[in-house]
Amino acid sequence: MKILHTSDWHIGNFPGPEKDGKNLRFLDTVSCIKHLTSVARDNTPDVILISGDLFHQARVWADRGLSEVKAAIRYIKSLKKICPIIVMRGTPRLHHRLQPRYGADGDGGHGGTSFSAGEG
């Protein structure tokens, strides 16, 4: 079984340099996640495990938060086309925003609870 394990994406705007009004740290993070998606596509893992800290801050819903959440959902959906994904929480107080998925056996069908950022 091939497992692609990743964690600590820390999507978010750290204070730092900007160019044309865009946070360069955020753009660099997105570039790294695009590369991760390419690696997953090339290596066809059986499962992808994202073990926490998707976001830099637990509260990403105000101001710039919508773009951060959209970025996370976009790349999780992209990875989901390759193989099943398990997202484990790591950011404190964020767990209630992810929806648990349970299989017929009550554990997501693979020995644990998987989480989804939405259908699609």
PDB file of N, CA and C in Angstrom:
ATOM      1  N   MET A   1       0.849  -1.178   0.000  1.00  0.00           N
ATOM      2  CA  MET A   1       0.000   0.000   0.000  1.00  0.00           C
ATOM      3  C   MET A   1       0.891   1.235   0.000  1.00  0.00           C
ATOM      4  N   LYS A   2       0.605   2.162  -0.896  1.00  0.00           N
ATOM      5  CA  LYS A   2       1.348   3.425  -0.949  1.00  0.00           C
ATOM      6  C   LYS A   2       0.539   4.517  -0.248  1.00  0.00           C
ATOM      7  N   ILE A   3       1.176   5.184   0.698  1.00  0.00           N
ATOM      8  CA  ILE A   3       0.539   6.266   1.444  1.00  0.00           C
ATOM      9  C   ILE A   3       1.341   7.544   1.199  1.00  0.00           C
ATOM     10  N   LEU A   4       0.660   8.576   0.778  1.00  0.00           N
ATOM     11  CA  LEU A   4       1.291   9.892   0.691  1.00  0.00           C
ATOM     12  C   LEU A   4       0.893  10.636   1.965  1.00  0.00           C
ATOM     13  N   HIS A   5       1.875  10.959   2.784  1.00  0.00           N
ATOM     14  CA  HIS A   5       1.616  11.643   4.047  1.00  0.00           C
ATOM     15  C   HIS A   5       2.115  13.073   3.950  1.00  0.00           C
ATOM     16  N   THR A   6       1.264  13.996   4.304  1.00  0.00           N
ATOM     17  CA  THR A   6       1.625  15.409   4.327  1.00  0.00           C
ATOM     18  C   THR A   6       0.966  16.045   5.546  1.00  0.00           C
ATOM     19  N   SER A   7       1.501  17.161   5.971  1.00  0.00           N
ATOM     20  CA  SER A   7       0.893  17.876   7.093  1.00  0.00           C
ATOM     21  C   SER A   7       1.403  19.305   7.104  1.00  0.00           C
ATOM     22  N   ASP A   8       0.836  20.066   7.997  1.00  0.00           N
ATOM     23  CA  ASP A   8       1.303  21.424   8.268  1.00  0.00           C
ATOM     24  C   ASP A   8       1.356  22.310   7.023  1.00  0.00           C
ATOM     25  N   TRP A   9       0.264  22.315   6.275  1.00  0.00           N
ATOM     26  CA  TRP A   9       0.210  23.206   5.118  1.00  0.00           C
ATOM     27  C   TRP A   9       0.252  24.661   5.572  1.00  0.00           C
ATOM     28  N   HIS A  10      -0.366  24.947   6.682  1.00  0.00           N
ATOM     29  CA  HIS A  10      -0.410  26.303   7.234  1.00  0.00           C
ATOM     30  C   HIS A  10      -0.824  27.342   6.199  1.00  0.00           C
ATOM     31  N   ILE A  11      -1.930  27.043   5.515  1.00  0.00           N
ATOM     32  CA  ILE A  11      -2.458  28.010   4.559  1.00  0.00           C
ATOM     33  C   ILE A  11      -2.852  29.256   5.337  1.00  0.00           C
ATOM     34  N   GLY A  12      -2.402  30.387   4.873  1.00  0.00           N
ATOM     35  CA  GLY A  12      -2.731  31.637   5.537  1.00  0.00           C
ATOM     36  C   GLY A  12      -1.720  32.711   5.209  1.00  0.00           C
ATOM     37  N   ASN A  13      -2.067  33.894   5.560  1.00  0.00           N
ATOM     38  CA  ASN A  13      -1.200  35.034   5.298  1.00  0.00           C
ATOM     39  C   ASN A  13      -0.346  35.335   6.508  1.00  0.00           C
ATOM     40  N   PHE A  14       0.890  34.926   6.448  1.00  0.00           N
ATOM     41  CA  PHE A  14       1.852  35.346   7.454  1.00  0.00           C
ATOM     42  C   PHE A  14       2.230  36.782   7.128  1.00  0.00           C
ATOM     43  N   PRO A  15       2.596  37.559   8.121  1.00  0.00           N
ATOM     44  CA  PRO A  15       3.135  38.878   7.793  1.00  0.00           C
ATOM     45  C   PRO A  15       4.387  38.673   6.939  1.00  0.00           C
ATOM     46  N   GLY A  16       4.504  39.454   5.912  1.00  0.00           N
ATOM     47  CA  GLY A  16       5.678  39.282   5.072  1.00  0.00           C
ATOM     48  C   GLY A  16       5.573  40.095   3.810  1.00  0.00           C
ATOM     49  N   PRO A  17       6.451  39.803   2.900  1.00  0.00           N
ATOM     50  CA  PRO A  17       6.510  40.601   1.674  1.00  0.00           C
ATOM     51  C   PRO A  17       5.255  40.436   0.827  1.00  0.00           C
ATOM     52  N   GLU A  18       4.923  41.495   0.143  1.00  0.00           N
ATOM     53  CA  GLU A  18       3.798  41.476  -0.781  1.00  0.00           C
ATOM     54  C   GLU A  18       4.265  41.998  -2.127  1.00  0.00           C
ATOM     55  N   LYS A  19       3.606  41.532  -3.157  1.00  0.00           N
ATOM     56  CA  LYS A  19       3.872  42.013  -4.503  1.00  0.00           C
ATOM     57  C   LYS A  19       2.538  42.173  -5.191  1.00  0.00           C
ATOM     58  N   ASP A  20       2.310  43.342  -5.746  1.00  0.00           N
ATOM     59  CA  ASP A  20       1.040  43.642  -6.412  1.00  0.00           C
ATOM     60  C   ASP A  20      -0.155  43.358  -5.510  1.00  0.00           C
ATOM     61  N   GLY A  21       0.009  43.621  -4.204  1.00  0.00           N
ATOM     62  CA  GLY A  21      -1.067  43.453  -3.241  1.00  0.00           C
ATOM     63  C   GLY A  21      -1.318  42.014  -2.813  1.00  0.00           C
ATOM     64  N   LYS A  22      -0.454  41.084  -3.216  1.00  0.00           N
ATOM     65  CA  LYS A  22      -0.637  39.673  -2.853  1.00  0.00           C
ATOM     66  C   LYS A  22       0.477  39.242  -1.915  1.00  0.00           C
ATOM     67  N   ASN A  23       0.096  38.483  -0.899  1.00  0.00           N
ATOM     68  CA  ASN A  23       1.042  37.983   0.079  1.00  0.00           C
ATOM     69  C   ASN A  23       1.887  36.882  -0.563  1.00  0.00           C
ATOM     70  N   LEU A  24       3.197  37.095  -0.624  1.00  0.00           N
ATOM     71  CA  LEU A  24       4.084  36.145  -1.290  1.00  0.00           C
ATOM     72  C   LEU A  24       4.189  34.825  -0.538  1.00  0.00           C
ATOM     73  N   ARG A  25       4.045  34.839   0.762  1.00  0.00           N
ATOM     74  CA  ARG A  25       4.086  33.604   1.560  1.00  0.00           C
ATOM     75  C   ARG A  25       2.907  32.708   1.207  1.00  0.00           C
ATOM     76  N   PHE A  26       1.723  33.307   1.071  1.00  0.00           N
ATOM     77  CA  PHE A  26       0.531  32.559   0.682  1.00  0.00           C
ATOM     78  C   PHE A  26       0.727  31.959  -0.713  1.00  0.00           C
ATOM     79  N   LEU A  27       1.251  32.742  -1.645  1.00  0.00           N
ATOM     80  CA  LEU A  27       1.474  32.253  -3.004  1.00  0.00           C
ATOM     81  C   LEU A  27       2.493  31.111  -3.021  1.00  0.00           C
ATOM     82  N   ASP A  28       3.514  31.198  -2.169  1.00  0.00           N
ATOM     83  CA  ASP A  28       4.509  30.136  -2.076  1.00  0.00           C
ATOM     84  C   ASP A  28       3.880  28.861  -1.527  1.00  0.00           C
ATOM     85  N   THR A  29       3.033  28.987  -0.521  1.00  0.00           N
ATOM     86  CA  THR A  29       2.347  27.819   0.049  1.00  0.00           C
ATOM     87  C   THR A  29       1.493  27.136  -1.012  1.00  0.00           C
ATOM     88  N   VAL A  30       0.738  27.915  -1.760  1.00  0.00           N
ATOM     89  CA  VAL A  30      -0.113  27.370  -2.815  1.00  0.00           C
ATOM     90  C   VAL A  30       0.742  26.676  -3.879  1.00  0.00           C
ATOM     91  N   SER A  31       1.874  27.244  -4.212  1.00  0.00           N
ATOM     92  CA  SER A  31       2.782  26.621  -5.173  1.00  0.00           C
ATOM     93  C   SER A  31       3.264  25.258  -4.676  1.00  0.00           C
ATOM     94  N   CYS A  32       3.581  25.162  -3.400  1.00  0.00           N
ATOM     95  CA  CYS A  32       4.018  23.885  -2.812  1.00  0.00           C
ATOM     96  C   CYS A  32       2.901  22.849  -2.843  1.00  0.00           C
ATOM     97  N   ILE A  33       1.674  23.262  -2.575  1.00  0.00           N
ATOM     98  CA  ILE A  33       0.547  22.332  -2.594  1.00  0.00           C
ATOM     99  C   ILE A  33       0.273  21.874  -4.028  1.00  0.00           C
ATOM    100  N   LYS A  34       0.442  22.765  -5.002  1.00  0.00           N
ATOM    101  CA  LYS A  34       0.304  22.359  -6.412  1.00  0.00           C
ATOM    102  C   LYS A  34       1.337  21.286  -6.749  1.00  0.00           C
ATOM    103  N   HIS A  35       2.566  21.469  -6.267  1.00  0.00           N
ATOM    104  CA  HIS A  35       3.611  20.474  -6.511  1.00  0.00           C
ATOM    105  C   HIS A  35       3.246  19.146  -5.840  1.00  0.00           C
ATOM    106  N   LEU A  36       2.741  19.198  -4.626  1.00  0.00           N
ATOM    107  CA  LEU A  36       2.299  17.990  -3.927  1.00  0.00           C
ATOM    108  C   LEU A  36       1.242  17.253  -4.744  1.00  0.00           C
ATOM    109  N   THR A  37       0.318  17.991  -5.329  1.00  0.00           N
ATOM    110  CA  THR A  37      -0.728  17.392  -6.159  1.00  0.00           C
ATOM    111  C   THR A  37      -0.115  16.701  -7.369  1.00  0.00           C
ATOM    112  N   SER A  38       0.868  17.324  -7.974  1.00  0.00           N
ATOM    113  CA  SER A  38       1.564  16.736  -9.115  1.00  0.00           C
ATOM    114  C   SER A  38       2.293  15.451  -8.720  1.00  0.00           C
ATOM    115  N   VAL A  39       2.954  15.468  -7.571  1.00  0.00           N
ATOM    116  CA  VAL A  39       3.642  14.276  -7.065  1.00  0.00           C
ATOM    117  C   VAL A  39       2.634  13.154  -6.824  1.00  0.00           C
ATOM    118  N   ALA A  40       1.492  13.487  -6.248  1.00  0.00           N
ATOM    119  CA  ALA A  40       0.454  12.480  -5.999  1.00  0.00           C
ATOM    120  C   ALA A  40      -0.048  11.898  -7.316  1.00  0.00           C
ATOM    121  N   ARG A  41      -0.283  12.752  -8.289  1.00  0.00           N
ATOM    122  CA  ARG A  41      -0.763  12.290  -9.593  1.00  0.00           C
ATOM    123  C   ARG A  41       0.255  11.346 -10.245  1.00  0.00           C
ATOM    124  N   ASP A  42       1.535  11.681 -10.150  1.00  0.00           N
ATOM    125  CA  ASP A  42       2.596  10.875 -10.768  1.00  0.00           C
ATOM    126  C   ASP A  42       2.829   9.552 -10.050  1.00  0.00           C
ATOM    127  N   ASN A  43       2.594   9.502  -8.747  1.00  0.00           N
ATOM    128  CA  ASN A  43       2.922   8.316  -7.956  1.00  0.00           C
ATOM    129  C   ASN A  43       1.720   7.470  -7.566  1.00  0.00           C
ATOM    130  N   THR A  44       0.529   7.926  -7.854  1.00  0.00           N
ATOM    131  CA  THR A  44      -0.728   7.221  -7.582  1.00  0.00           C
ATOM    132  C   THR A  44      -0.752   6.457  -6.251  1.00  0.00           C
ATOM    133  N   PRO A  45      -0.754   7.185  -5.141  1.00  0.00           N
ATOM    134  CA  PRO A  45      -0.845   6.507  -3.841  1.00  0.00           C
ATOM    135  C   PRO A  45      -2.217   5.859  -3.666  1.00  0.00           C
ATOM    136  N   ASP A  46      -2.289   4.933  -2.722  1.00  0.00           N
ATOM    137  CA  ASP A  46      -3.563   4.292  -2.400  1.00  0.00           C
ATOM    138  C   ASP A  46      -4.412   5.170  -1.486  1.00  0.00           C
ATOM    139  N   VAL A  47      -3.752   5.985  -0.704  1.00  0.00           N
ATOM    140  CA  VAL A  47      -4.440   6.894   0.204  1.00  0.00           C
ATOM    141  C   VAL A  47      -3.523   8.089   0.484  1.00  0.00           C
ATOM    142  N   ILE A  48      -4.134   9.234   0.716  1.00  0.00           N
ATOM    143  CA  ILE A  48      -3.404  10.440   1.099  1.00  0.00           C
ATOM    144  C   ILE A  48      -3.823  10.801   2.515  1.00  0.00           C
ATOM    145  N   LEU A  49      -2.846  10.987   3.370  1.00  0.00           N
ATOM    146  CA  LEU A  49      -3.089  11.373   4.760  1.00  0.00           C
ATOM    147  C   LEU A  49      -2.576  12.793   4.962  1.00  0.00           C
ATOM    148  N   ILE A  50      -3.479  13.693   5.325  1.00  0.00           N
ATOM    149  CA  ILE A  50      -3.115  15.061   5.682  1.00  0.00           C
ATOM    150  C   ILE A  50      -3.305  15.147   7.190  1.00  0.00           C
ATOM    151  N   SER A  51      -2.184  15.186   7.907  1.00  0.00           N
ATOM    152  CA  SER A  51      -2.280  15.024   9.364  1.00  0.00           C
ATOM    153  C   SER A  51      -2.213  16.344  10.122  1.00  0.00           C
ATOM    154  N   GLY A  52      -3.030  17.253   9.719  1.00  0.00           N
ATOM    155  CA  GLY A  52      -3.253  18.425  10.552  1.00  0.00           C
ATOM    156  C   GLY A  52      -2.632  19.714  10.072  1.00  0.00           C
ATOM    157  N   ASP A  53      -3.070  20.753  10.731  1.00  0.00           N
ATOM    158  CA  ASP A  53      -2.627  22.129  10.502  1.00  0.00           C
ATOM    159  C   ASP A  53      -2.764  22.563   9.044  1.00  0.00           C
ATOM    160  N   LEU A  54      -3.976  22.389   8.507  1.00  0.00           N
ATOM    161  CA  LEU A  54      -4.247  22.899   7.169  1.00  0.00           C
ATOM    162  C   LEU A  54      -4.084  24.418   7.129  1.00  0.00           C
ATOM    163  N   PHE A  55      -4.528  25.063   8.184  1.00  0.00           N
ATOM    164  CA  PHE A  55      -4.507  26.519   8.227  1.00  0.00           C
ATOM    165  C   PHE A  55      -3.500  27.014   9.257  1.00  0.00           C
ATOM    166  N   HIS A  56      -2.981  28.187   9.005  1.00  0.00           N
ATOM    167  CA  HIS A  56      -2.014  28.773   9.931  1.00  0.00           C
ATOM    168  C   HIS A  56      -2.686  29.195  11.234  1.00  0.00           C
ATOM    169  N   GLN A  57      -3.933  29.623  11.138  1.00  0.00           N
ATOM    170  CA  GLN A  57      -4.678  30.039  12.320  1.00  0.00           C
ATOM    171  C   GLN A  57      -5.984  29.265  12.390  1.00  0.00           C
ATOM    172  N   ALA A  58      -6.465  29.047  13.588  1.00  0.00           N
ATOM    173  CA  ALA A  58      -7.713  28.305  13.754  1.00  0.00           C
ATOM    174  C   ALA A  58      -8.908  29.084  13.214  1.00  0.00           C
ATOM    175  N   ARG A  59      -8.873  30.382  13.319  1.00  0.00           N
ATOM    176  CA  ARG A  59      -9.989  31.202  12.855  1.00  0.00           C
ATOM    177  C   ARG A  59      -9.611  31.846  11.536  1.00  0.00           C
ATOM    178  N   VAL A  60     -10.190  31.298  10.460  1.00  0.00           N
ATOM    179  CA  VAL A  60      -9.854  31.788   9.127  1.00  0.00           C
ATOM    180  C   VAL A  60     -11.082  32.332   8.393  1.00  0.00           C
ATOM    181  N   TRP A  61     -12.127  32.651   9.136  1.00  0.00           N
ATOM    182  CA  TRP A  61     -13.388  32.958   8.479  1.00  0.00           C
ATOM    183  C   TRP A  61     -13.603  34.441   8.216  1.00  0.00           C
ATOM    184  N   ALA A  62     -12.814  35.310   8.771  1.00  0.00           N
ATOM    185  CA  ALA A  62     -13.016  36.737   8.550  1.00  0.00           C
ATOM    186  C   ALA A  62     -11.950  37.267   7.601  1.00  0.00           C
ATOM    187  N   ASP A  63     -12.215  38.416   7.041  1.00  0.00           N
ATOM    188  CA  ASP A  63     -11.285  39.107   6.151  1.00  0.00           C
ATOM    189  C   ASP A  63     -10.816  38.185   5.024  1.00  0.00           C
ATOM    190  N   ARG A  64      -9.574  37.763   5.087  1.00  0.00           N
ATOM    191  CA  ARG A  64      -8.957  36.977   4.016  1.00  0.00           C
ATOM    192  C   ARG A  64      -9.352  35.509   4.070  1.00  0.00           C
ATOM    193  N   GLY A  65     -10.054  35.107   5.108  1.00  0.00           N
ATOM    194  CA  GLY A  65     -10.318  33.692   5.361  1.00  0.00           C
ATOM    195  C   GLY A  65     -10.979  32.950   4.233  1.00  0.00           C
ATOM    196  N   LEU A  66     -11.882  33.586   3.526  1.00  0.00           N
ATOM    197  CA  LEU A  66     -12.592  32.885   2.467  1.00  0.00           C
ATOM    198  C   LEU A  66     -11.623  32.368   1.408  1.00  0.00           C
ATOM    199  N   SER A  67     -10.623  33.159   1.039  1.00  0.00           N
ATOM    200  CA  SER A  67      -9.666  32.693   0.030  1.00  0.00           C
ATOM    201  C   SER A  67      -8.834  31.536   0.569  1.00  0.00           C
ATOM    202  N   GLU A  68      -8.528  31.542   1.855  1.00  0.00           N
ATOM    203  CA  GLU A  68      -7.765  30.443   2.455  1.00  0.00           C
ATOM    204  C   GLU A  68      -8.579  29.156   2.468  1.00  0.00           C
ATOM    205  N   VAL A  69      -9.835  29.244   2.857  1.00  0.00           N
ATOM    206  CA  VAL A  69     -10.708  28.074   2.893  1.00  0.00           C
ATOM    207  C   VAL A  69     -10.916  27.549   1.472  1.00  0.00           C
ATOM    208  N   LYS A  70     -11.142  28.447   0.515  1.00  0.00           N
ATOM    209  CA  LYS A  70     -11.320  28.030  -0.877  1.00  0.00           C
ATOM    210  C   LYS A  70     -10.076  27.329  -1.399  1.00  0.00           C
ATOM    211  N   ALA A  71      -8.901  27.830  -1.047  1.00  0.00           N
ATOM    212  CA  ALA A  71      -7.656  27.188  -1.486  1.00  0.00           C
ATOM    213  C   ALA A  71      -7.560  25.776  -0.924  1.00  0.00           C
ATOM    214  N   ALA A  72      -7.838  25.601   0.363  1.00  0.00           N
ATOM    215  CA  ALA A  72      -7.778  24.272   0.982  1.00  0.00           C
ATOM    216  C   ALA A  72      -8.762  23.325   0.307  1.00  0.00           C
ATOM    217  N   ILE A  73      -9.988  23.771   0.114  1.00  0.00           N
ATOM    218  CA  ILE A  73     -11.008  22.923  -0.511  1.00  0.00           C
ATOM    219  C   ILE A  73     -10.613  22.575  -1.938  1.00  0.00           C
ATOM    220  N   ARG A  74     -10.110  23.552  -2.687  1.00  0.00           N
ATOM    221  CA  ARG A  74      -9.714  23.314  -4.076  1.00  0.00           C
ATOM    222  C   ARG A  74      -8.655  22.209  -4.163  1.00  0.00           C
ATOM    223  N   TYR A  75      -7.643  22.258  -3.318  1.00  0.00           N
ATOM    224  CA  TYR A  75      -6.568  21.278  -3.408  1.00  0.00           C
ATOM    225  C   TYR A  75      -6.957  19.932  -2.807  1.00  0.00           C
ATOM    226  N   ILE A  76      -7.779  19.925  -1.791  1.00  0.00           N
ATOM    227  CA  ILE A  76      -8.272  18.649  -1.259  1.00  0.00           C
ATOM    228  C   ILE A  76      -9.137  17.957  -2.308  1.00  0.00           C
ATOM    229  N   LYS A  77      -9.988  18.710  -2.992  1.00  0.00           N
ATOM    230  CA  LYS A  77     -10.812  18.113  -4.050  1.00  0.00           C
ATOM    231  C   LYS A  77      -9.946  17.598  -5.193  1.00  0.00           C
ATOM    232  N   SER A  78      -8.899  18.307  -5.514  1.00  0.00           N
ATOM    233  CA  SER A  78      -7.983  17.871  -6.561  1.00  0.00           C
ATOM    234  C   SER A  78      -7.298  16.561  -6.173  1.00  0.00           C
ATOM    235  N   LEU A  79      -6.853  16.470  -4.932  1.00  0.00           N
ATOM    236  CA  LEU A  79      -6.219  15.253  -4.446  1.00  0.00           C
ATOM    237  C   LEU A  79      -7.218  14.104  -4.361  1.00  0.00           C
ATOM    238  N   LYS A  80      -8.464  14.433  -4.034  1.00  0.00           N
ATOM    239  CA  LYS A  80      -9.514  13.421  -3.891  1.00  0.00           C
ATOM    240  C   LYS A  80      -9.783  12.701  -5.214  1.00  0.00           C
ATOM    241  N   LYS A  81      -9.473  13.345  -6.338  1.00  0.00           N
ATOM    242  CA  LYS A  81      -9.649  12.720  -7.648  1.00  0.00           C
ATOM    243  C   LYS A  81      -8.609  11.626  -7.881  1.00  0.00           C
ATOM    244  N   ILE A  82      -7.528  11.668  -7.129  1.00  0.00           N
ATOM    245  CA  ILE A  82      -6.437  10.712  -7.297  1.00  0.00           C
ATOM    246  C   ILE A  82      -6.690   9.453  -6.471  1.00  0.00           C
ATOM    247  N   CYS A  83      -7.099   9.645  -5.214  1.00  0.00           N
ATOM    248  CA  CYS A  83      -7.348   8.520  -4.310  1.00  0.00           C
ATOM    249  C   CYS A  83      -8.075   9.044  -3.072  1.00  0.00           C
ATOM    250  N   PRO A  84      -8.506   8.136  -2.194  1.00  0.00           N
ATOM    251  CA  PRO A  84      -9.154   8.578  -0.948  1.00  0.00           C
ATOM    252  C   PRO A  84      -8.199   9.423  -0.099  1.00  0.00           C
ATOM    253  N   ILE A  85      -8.785  10.327   0.661  1.00  0.00           N
ATOM    254  CA  ILE A  85      -8.009  11.231   1.511  1.00  0.00           C
ATOM    255  C   ILE A  85      -8.517  11.128   2.939  1.00  0.00           C
ATOM    256  N   ILE A  86      -7.587  11.150   3.870  1.00  0.00           N
ATOM    257  CA  ILE A  86      -7.929  11.247   5.290  1.00  0.00           C
ATOM    258  C   ILE A  86      -7.322  12.557   5.780  1.00  0.00           C
ATOM    259  N   VAL A  87      -8.156  13.417   6.325  1.00  0.00           N
ATOM    260  CA  VAL A  87      -7.693  14.691   6.884  1.00  0.00           C
ATOM    261  C   VAL A  87      -7.873  14.610   8.390  1.00  0.00           C
ATOM    262  N   MET A  88      -6.777  14.752   9.095  1.00  0.00           N
ATOM    263  CA  MET A  88      -6.821  14.739  10.557  1.00  0.00           C
ATOM    264  C   MET A  88      -6.664  16.170  11.045  1.00  0.00           C
ATOM    265  N   ARG A  89      -7.400  16.503  12.061  1.00  0.00           N
ATOM    266  CA  ARG A  89      -7.292  17.857  12.578  1.00  0.00           C
ATOM    267  C   ARG A  89      -5.978  18.031  13.323  1.00  0.00           C
ATOM    268  N   GLY A  90      -5.515  19.228  13.307  1.00  0.00           N
ATOM    269  CA  GLY A  90      -4.308  19.551  14.043  1.00  0.00           C
ATOM    270  C   GLY A  90      -4.423  20.955  14.588  1.00  0.00           C
ATOM    271  N   THR A  91      -5.198  21.778  13.890  1.00  0.00           N
ATOM    272  CA  THR A  91      -5.400  23.141  14.325  1.00  0.00           C
ATOM    273  C   THR A  91      -6.436  23.138  15.445  1.00  0.00           C
ATOM    274  N   PRO A  92      -6.085  23.596  16.628  1.00  0.00           N
ATOM    275  CA  PRO A  92      -7.046  23.604  17.740  1.00  0.00           C
ATOM    276  C   PRO A  92      -8.318  24.360  17.381  1.00  0.00           C
ATOM    277  N   ARG A  93      -9.405  23.867  17.858  1.00  0.00           N
ATOM    278  CA  ARG A  93     -10.715  24.495  17.707  1.00  0.00           C
ATOM    279  C   ARG A  93     -11.237  24.470  16.269  1.00  0.00           C
ATOM    280  N   LEU A  94     -10.597  23.747  15.349  1.00  0.00           N
ATOM    281  CA  LEU A  94     -11.078  23.691  13.972  1.00  0.00           C
ATOM    282  C   LEU A  94     -11.897  22.431  13.714  1.00  0.00           C
ATOM    283  N   HIS A  95     -11.764  21.419  14.579  1.00  0.00           N
ATOM    284  CA  HIS A  95     -12.372  20.122  14.324  1.00  0.00           C
ATOM    285  C   HIS A  95     -13.875  20.186  14.101  1.00  0.00           C
ATOM    286  N   HIS A  96     -14.567  21.122  14.705  1.00  0.00           N
ATOM    287  CA  HIS A  96     -16.015  21.172  14.554  1.00  0.00           C
ATOM    288  C   HIS A  96     -16.423  21.696  13.182  1.00  0.00           C
ATOM    289  N   ARG A  97     -15.489  22.226  12.401  1.00  0.00           N
ATOM    290  CA  ARG A  97     -15.811  22.751  11.080  1.00  0.00           C
ATOM    291  C   ARG A  97     -15.662  21.702   9.991  1.00  0.00           C
ATOM    292  N   LEU A  98     -15.087  20.554  10.304  1.00  0.00           N
ATOM    293  CA  LEU A  98     -14.952  19.472   9.345  1.00  0.00           C
ATOM    294  C   LEU A  98     -16.030  18.436   9.619  1.00  0.00           C
ATOM    295  N   GLN A  99     -16.566  17.865   8.568  1.00  0.00           N
ATOM    296  CA  GLN A  99     -17.672  16.928   8.706  1.00  0.00           C
ATOM    297  C   GLN A  99     -17.152  15.499   8.706  1.00  0.00           C
ATOM    298  N   PRO A 100     -17.406  14.728   9.782  1.00  0.00           N
ATOM    299  CA  PRO A 100     -16.943  13.335   9.803  1.00  0.00           C
ATOM    300  C   PRO A 100     -17.693  12.490   8.785  1.00  0.00           C
ATOM    301  N   ARG A 101     -16.975  11.521   8.196  1.00  0.00           N
ATOM    302  CA  ARG A 101     -17.553  10.580   7.253  1.00  0.00           C
ATOM    303  C   ARG A 101     -17.433   9.193   7.840  1.00  0.00           C
ATOM    304  N   TYR A 102     -18.514   8.454   7.890  1.00  0.00           N
ATOM    305  CA  TYR A 102     -18.490   7.104   8.432  1.00  0.00           C
ATOM    306  C   TYR A 102     -18.941   6.117   7.367  1.00  0.00           C
ATOM    307  N   GLY A 103     -18.245   4.986   7.273  1.00  0.00           N
ATOM    308  CA  GLY A 103     -18.654   3.906   6.385  1.00  0.00           C
ATOM    309  C   GLY A 103     -19.708   3.061   7.056  1.00  0.00           C
ATOM    310  N   ALA A 104     -20.097   2.000   6.380  1.00  0.00           N
ATOM    311  CA  ALA A 104     -21.122   1.114   6.926  1.00  0.00           C
ATOM    312  C   ALA A 104     -20.677   0.497   8.247  1.00  0.00           C
ATOM    313  N   ASP A 105     -19.357   0.366   8.412  1.00  0.00           N
ATOM    314  CA  ASP A 105     -18.860  -0.217   9.652  1.00  0.00           C
ATOM    315  C   ASP A 105     -18.629   0.842  10.721  1.00  0.00           C
ATOM    316  N   GLY A 106     -18.994   2.095  10.410  1.00  0.00           N
ATOM    317  CA  GLY A 106     -18.919   3.160  11.407  1.00  0.00           C
ATOM    318  C   GLY A 106     -17.557   3.805  11.549  1.00  0.00           C
ATOM    319  N   ASP A 107     -16.587   3.377  10.716  1.00  0.00           N
ATOM    320  CA  ASP A 107     -15.262   3.973  10.885  1.00  0.00           C
ATOM    321  C   ASP A 107     -14.696   4.525   9.583  1.00  0.00           C
ATOM    322  N   GLY A 108     -15.559   4.877   8.632  1.00  0.00           N
ATOM    323  CA  GLY A 108     -15.082   5.425   7.375  1.00  0.00           C
ATOM    324  C   GLY A 108     -14.592   4.349   6.420  1.00  0.00           C
ATOM    325  N   GLY A 109     -14.672   3.092   6.837  1.00  0.00           N
ATOM    326  CA  GLY A 109     -14.285   2.004   5.974  1.00  0.00           C
ATOM    327  C   GLY A 109     -12.799   1.727   5.931  1.00  0.00           C
ATOM    328  N   HIS A 110     -12.014   2.415   6.735  1.00  0.00           N
ATOM    329  CA  HIS A 110     -10.569   2.198   6.687  1.00  0.00           C
ATOM    330  C   HIS A 110      -9.917   2.364   8.049  1.00  0.00           C
ATOM    331  N   GLY A 111     -10.636   1.972   9.085  1.00  0.00           N
ATOM    332  CA  GLY A 111     -10.016   1.924  10.393  1.00  0.00           C
ATOM    333  C   GLY A 111      -9.967   3.244  11.141  1.00  0.00           C
ATOM    334  N   GLY A 112     -10.599   4.268  10.658  1.00  0.00           N
ATOM    335  CA  GLY A 112     -10.586   5.542  11.347  1.00  0.00           C
ATOM    336  C   GLY A 112     -11.634   6.457  10.764  1.00  0.00           C
ATOM    337  N   THR A 113     -11.792   7.596  11.338  1.00  0.00           N
ATOM    338  CA  THR A 113     -12.746   8.568  10.828  1.00  0.00           C
ATOM    339  C   THR A 113     -12.044   9.427   9.800  1.00  0.00           C
ATOM    340  N   SER A 114     -12.661   9.576   8.656  1.00  0.00           N
ATOM    341  CA  SER A 114     -12.126  10.483   7.658  1.00  0.00           C
ATOM    342  C   SER A 114     -12.961  11.752   7.702  1.00  0.00           C
ATOM    343  N   PHE A 115     -12.409  12.816   7.210  1.00  0.00           N
ATOM    344  CA  PHE A 115     -13.104  14.084   7.238  1.00  0.00           C
ATOM    345  C   PHE A 115     -13.124  14.659   5.849  1.00  0.00           C
ATOM    346  N   SER A 116     -14.160  15.407   5.554  1.00  0.00           N
ATOM    347  CA  SER A 116     -14.307  15.991   4.231  1.00  0.00           C
ATOM    348  C   SER A 116     -14.584  17.476   4.375  1.00  0.00           C
ATOM    349  N   ALA A 117     -14.028  18.234   3.441  1.00  0.00           N
ATOM    350  CA  ALA A 117     -14.312  19.664   3.397  1.00  0.00           C
ATOM    351  C   ALA A 117     -15.522  19.939   2.520  1.00  0.00           C
ATOM    352  N   GLY A 118     -16.263  18.927   2.163  1.00  0.00           N
ATOM    353  CA  GLY A 118     -17.475  19.105   1.382  1.00  0.00           C
ATOM    354  C   GLY A 118     -17.556  18.121   0.224  1.00  0.00           C
ATOM    355  N   GLU A 119     -18.697  18.030  -0.368  1.00  0.00           N
ATOM    356  CA  GLU A 119     -18.924  17.133  -1.493  1.00  0.00           C
ATOM    357  C   GLU A 119     -18.406  17.764  -2.771  1.00  0.00           C
ATOM    358  N   GLY A 120     -18.240  16.930  -3.774  1.00  0.00           N
ATOM    359  CA  GLY A 120     -17.928  17.471  -5.098  1.00  0.00           C
ATOM    360  C   GLY A 120     -16.722  16.914  -5.732  1.00  0.00           C
TER     361      GLY A 120
END
